[in-house]
Protein backbone atom coordinates (compact mmCIF):
# COMPACT_ATOMS: atom_id res chain seq x y z
CA UNK A 1 0.01 0.02 -0.02
CA UNK A 2 2.74 2.48 0.93
CA UNK A 3 4.65 1.68 -2.39
CA UNK A 4 1.46 2.50 -4.34
CA UNK A 5 1.11 5.83 -2.60
CA UNK A 6 4.66 6.72 -3.04
CA UNK A 7 4.43 5.79 -6.80
CA UNK A 8 1.37 8.03 -7.01
CA UNK A 9 3.14 10.76 -5.35
CA UNK A 10 6.04 10.55 -7.97
CA UNK A 11 3.46 10.58 -10.86
CA UNK A 12 1.84 13.72 -9.42
CA UNK A 13 5.28 15.38 -8.86
CA UNK A 14 6.34 14.39 -12.43
CA UNK A 15 3.17 15.82 -13.90
CA UNK A 16 3.54 19.12 -11.93
CA UNK A 17 7.18 19.59 -13.33
CA UNK A 18 6.53 18.37 -16.98
CA UNK A 19 3.93 20.85 -18.11
CA UNK A 20 3.93 21.64 -21.82
CA UNK A 21 5.68 24.76 -23.08
CA UNK A 22 2.28 26.78 -23.41
CA UNK A 23 1.59 26.45 -19.62
CA UNK A 24 1.30 29.68 -17.77
CA UNK A 25 3.50 30.00 -14.60
CA UNK A 26 2.84 32.51 -11.86
CA UNK A 27 4.56 32.99 -8.49
CA UNK A 28 3.07 34.22 -5.28
CA UNK A 29 3.00 34.24 -1.46
CA UNK A 30 0.81 31.87 0.55
CA UNK A 31 -0.26 31.92 4.13
CA UNK A 32 -3.10 30.40 6.26
CA UNK A 33 -4.49 28.77 9.49
CA UNK A 34 -3.85 25.06 10.57
CA UNK A 35 -6.37 23.47 12.86
CA UNK A 36 -5.15 20.23 14.04
CA UNK A 37 -7.04 16.97 14.59
CA UNK A 38 -5.07 13.89 15.90
CA UNK A 39 -5.54 10.37 17.11
CA UNK A 40 -3.63 8.74 19.88
CA UNK A 41 -3.22 5.00 20.23
CA UNK A 42 -2.04 2.29 22.69
CA UNK A 43 -1.62 4.58 25.77
CA UNK A 44 -2.67 3.22 29.18
CA UNK A 45 -4.03 6.52 30.23
CA UNK A 46 -7.16 8.40 29.67
CA UNK A 47 -6.54 10.98 26.96
CA UNK A 48 -8.48 14.21 26.07
CA UNK A 49 -7.52 15.03 22.62
CA UNK A 50 -7.58 18.79 21.95
CA UNK A 51 -7.55 20.61 18.55
CA UNK A 52 -4.96 23.33 18.52
CA UNK A 53 -4.40 26.06 15.99
CA UNK A 54 -1.23 26.80 14.15
CA UNK A 55 -0.37 28.65 10.87
CA UNK A 56 1.82 28.26 7.71
CA UNK A 57 3.54 30.84 5.34
CA UNK A 58 5.76 30.75 2.39
CA UNK A 59 5.98 30.99 -1.42
CA UNK A 60 4.23 29.20 -4.11
CA UNK A 61 4.58 28.63 -7.87
CA UNK A 62 1.25 28.07 -9.79
CA UNK A 63 1.02 26.40 -13.20
CA UNK A 64 -1.87 26.33 -15.62
CA UNK A 65 -2.55 24.94 -19.12
CA UNK A 66 -4.83 27.18 -21.17
CA UNK A 67 -8.15 25.58 -22.21
CA UNK A 68 -7.48 22.29 -20.54
CA UNK A 69 -8.43 23.28 -17.01
CA UNK A 70 -5.50 21.26 -15.68
CA UNK A 71 -2.66 22.73 -13.72
CA UNK A 72 -0.46 22.17 -10.66
CA UNK A 73 1.15 24.02 -7.71
CA UNK A 74 4.16 23.61 -5.55
CA UNK A 75 4.77 25.54 -2.34
CA UNK A 76 7.68 25.89 0.10
CA UNK A 77 6.17 26.69 3.56
CA UNK A 78 7.08 27.20 7.14
CA UNK A 79 4.42 24.91 8.82
CA UNK A 80 3.58 25.61 12.54
CA UNK A 81 1.29 23.08 14.26
CA UNK A 82 0.16 23.32 17.86
CA UNK A 83 -1.52 20.41 19.73
CA UNK A 84 -2.35 19.53 23.35
CA UNK A 85 -3.11 16.53 25.32
CA UNK A 86 -4.71 16.03 28.72
CA UNK A 87 -5.18 13.01 30.81
CA UNK A 88 -4.87 11.09 33.92
CA UNK A 89 -1.74 9.12 34.74
CA UNK A 90 -1.97 5.57 36.05
CA UNK A 91 -0.11 5.01 39.39
CA UNK A 92 0.39 1.99 41.78
CA UNK A 93 0.07 2.19 45.53
CA UNK A 94 2.08 0.27 47.96
CA UNK A 95 -0.20 -2.61 47.78
CA UNK A 96 0.23 -2.84 44.09
CA UNK A 97 -3.33 -1.61 43.33
CA UNK A 98 -3.93 0.40 40.29
CA UNK A 99 -4.92 4.04 41.06
CA UNK A 100 -5.78 7.13 38.82
CA UNK A 101 -3.13 9.71 39.00
CA UNK A 102 -3.15 13.46 38.74
CA UNK A 103 -4.72 15.03 35.65
CA UNK A 104 -2.07 16.78 33.70
CA UNK A 105 -2.02 18.81 30.31
CA UNK A 106 0.86 19.13 27.89
CA UNK A 107 1.06 21.14 24.83
CA UNK A 108 3.60 21.12 21.92
CA UNK A 109 4.28 23.15 18.90
CA UNK A 110 5.51 21.24 15.83
CA UNK A 111 7.86 23.21 13.38
CA UNK A 112 8.17 21.89 9.87
CA UNK A 113 9.39 22.94 6.42
CA UNK A 114 6.70 21.50 4.11
CA UNK A 115 6.69 20.96 0.21
CA UNK A 116 3.14 20.33 -0.89
CA UNK A 117 2.86 19.44 -4.72
CA UNK A 118 -0.85 19.41 -5.96
CA UNK A 119 -2.39 18.70 -9.31
CA UNK A 120 -5.44 20.99 -10.00
CA UNK A 121 -8.57 21.03 -12.18
CA UNK A 122 -10.05 24.52 -12.55
CA UNK A 123 -13.51 25.46 -13.98
CA UNK A 124 -14.05 29.11 -14.87
CA UNK A 125 -17.31 30.79 -13.53
CA UNK A 126 -16.63 34.06 -15.36
CA UNK A 127 -13.83 36.28 -16.48
CA UNK A 128 -13.46 37.36 -12.94
CA UNK A 129 -13.53 34.10 -10.87
CA UNK A 130 -12.96 30.29 -11.15
CA UNK A 131 -13.13 27.34 -8.84
CA UNK A 132 -10.78 24.38 -8.49
CA UNK A 133 -10.23 21.03 -6.75
CA UNK A 134 -6.79 19.79 -6.01
CA UNK A 135 -4.89 16.69 -4.67
CA UNK A 136 -1.25 15.61 -4.08
CA UNK A 137 1.52 14.55 -1.85
CA UNK A 138 3.26 16.66 0.83
CA UNK A 139 6.77 16.17 2.15
CA UNK A 140 7.40 17.76 5.61
CA UNK A 141 10.83 17.98 7.55
CA UNK A 142 10.89 18.57 11.34
CA UNK A 143 13.05 21.59 12.05
CA UNK A 144 12.16 21.88 15.76
CA UNK A 145 12.72 19.95 18.93
CA UNK A 146 11.94 16.27 18.40
CA UNK A 147 11.33 15.36 22.18
CA UNK A 148 8.02 16.06 24.00
CA UNK A 149 8.00 15.12 27.60
CA UNK A 150 4.43 14.45 28.90
CA UNK A 151 4.35 12.82 32.24
CA UNK A 152 7.88 12.47 33.67
CA UNK A 153 11.46 12.15 32.60
CA UNK A 154 10.92 8.53 31.63
CA UNK A 155 7.88 9.08 29.53
CA UNK A 156 7.74 11.32 26.48
CA UNK A 157 6.87 11.64 22.71
CA UNK A 158 9.70 11.27 20.13
CA UNK A 159 8.61 13.13 16.95
CA UNK A 160 9.44 11.67 13.51
CA UNK A 161 12.21 13.62 11.67
CA UNK A 162 10.01 13.81 8.43
CA UNK A 163 6.32 13.32 7.74
CA UNK A 164 4.78 12.05 4.47
CA UNK A 165 1.04 13.17 3.82
CA UNK A 166 -1.57 13.66 1.30
CA UNK A 167 -3.58 16.79 0.49
CA UNK A 168 -7.14 17.02 -0.83
CA UNK A 169 -8.58 20.56 -1.29
CA UNK A 170 -10.69 23.09 -3.14
CA UNK A 171 -10.96 26.76 -3.46
CA UNK A 172 -11.81 29.95 -5.42
CA UNK A 173 -9.55 32.18 -7.52
CA UNK A 174 -10.76 35.78 -8.12
CA UNK A 175 -9.25 38.23 -10.66
CA UNK A 176 -6.57 35.67 -11.56
CA UNK A 177 -4.51 36.81 -8.48
CA UNK A 178 -6.32 36.29 -5.20
CA UNK A 179 -7.03 32.70 -4.08
CA UNK A 180 -8.89 31.45 -1.09
CA UNK A 181 -8.68 27.77 -0.41
CA UNK A 182 -9.53 24.84 1.86
CA UNK A 183 -7.16 21.80 2.29
CA UNK A 184 -7.34 18.58 4.39
CA UNK A 185 -3.85 17.38 5.07
CA UNK A 186 -3.85 13.48 5.85
CA UNK A 187 -0.97 11.93 7.70
CA UNK A 188 0.20 8.63 5.95
CA UNK A 189 2.32 7.56 8.97
CA UNK A 190 2.89 8.27 12.61
CA UNK A 191 3.65 11.76 13.57
CA UNK A 192 5.26 10.71 16.91
CA UNK A 193 5.63 7.69 19.05
CA UNK A 194 5.71 7.59 22.87
CA UNK A 195 7.29 5.18 25.37
CA UNK A 196 5.21 4.82 28.49
CA UNK A 197 6.26 3.15 31.76
CA UNK A 198 2.89 1.84 32.75
CA UNK A 199 1.81 -0.40 35.63
CA UNK A 200 4.73 -2.64 36.71
CA UNK A 201 6.97 -0.15 34.82
CA UNK A 202 6.53 -2.18 31.62
CA UNK A 203 7.33 -0.17 28.54
CA UNK A 204 4.38 0.56 26.31
CA UNK A 205 4.50 2.18 22.83
CA UNK A 206 1.96 4.81 22.08
CA UNK A 207 1.37 6.32 18.68
CA UNK A 208 0.21 9.75 17.55
CA UNK A 209 -1.10 10.66 14.10
CA UNK A 210 -1.81 14.22 13.16
CA UNK A 211 -4.21 15.38 10.39
CA UNK A 212 -4.83 19.07 9.61
CA UNK A 213 -7.61 21.21 8.30
CA UNK A 214 -6.07 24.28 6.47
CA UNK A 215 -7.51 27.50 5.29
CA UNK A 216 -5.24 29.48 2.91
CA UNK A 217 -5.00 32.85 1.32
CA UNK A 218 -2.69 33.14 -1.77
CA UNK A 219 -1.60 36.20 -3.84
CA UNK A 220 -0.39 35.37 -7.33
CA UNK A 221 1.75 38.13 -8.94
């Protein structure tokens, strides 16, 4: 399955960078809001998953083929993602009975450099506006701290150094320069893993996967 997804990502990237000579290329700036939604698995503690906001900003290149409606875009972005987790630790008393520990919260900001490459199909509504749908792979590299302590010195998240994900989105372009878009970024692997010393101090591996809703504003020169 992973090989098929990677092969599709290569095809999308190849299409994006192999446009015919009549293609029109515009460059621009792009920024927007991240709203994170994540799943946590295999943890022996009660977890309250909290959505957290972040942002992204960078430069973009937009390619369109006249008449065909097909095109592509590629962006280089600083990608800031903030998430939070709250839950009750599990403790043992002197008799070995399991007890519910203190409720704690922990927050973390992820820092990435991201390269999304999308294929687009555009339909013109008039000479002033058009709508589009887009999909494609995204490659992200962690440039921040990869460690996230949650409970104590022996327990904490270890973030992956890179993240491969897939984008599905749509939007509106007005006056050929201003674009408002929505995108759902789907993680295709674990964002982080956690070693938990649970009851009896046995190590348990937890997993975290981060998906992101994104609202963007792009200006094309």
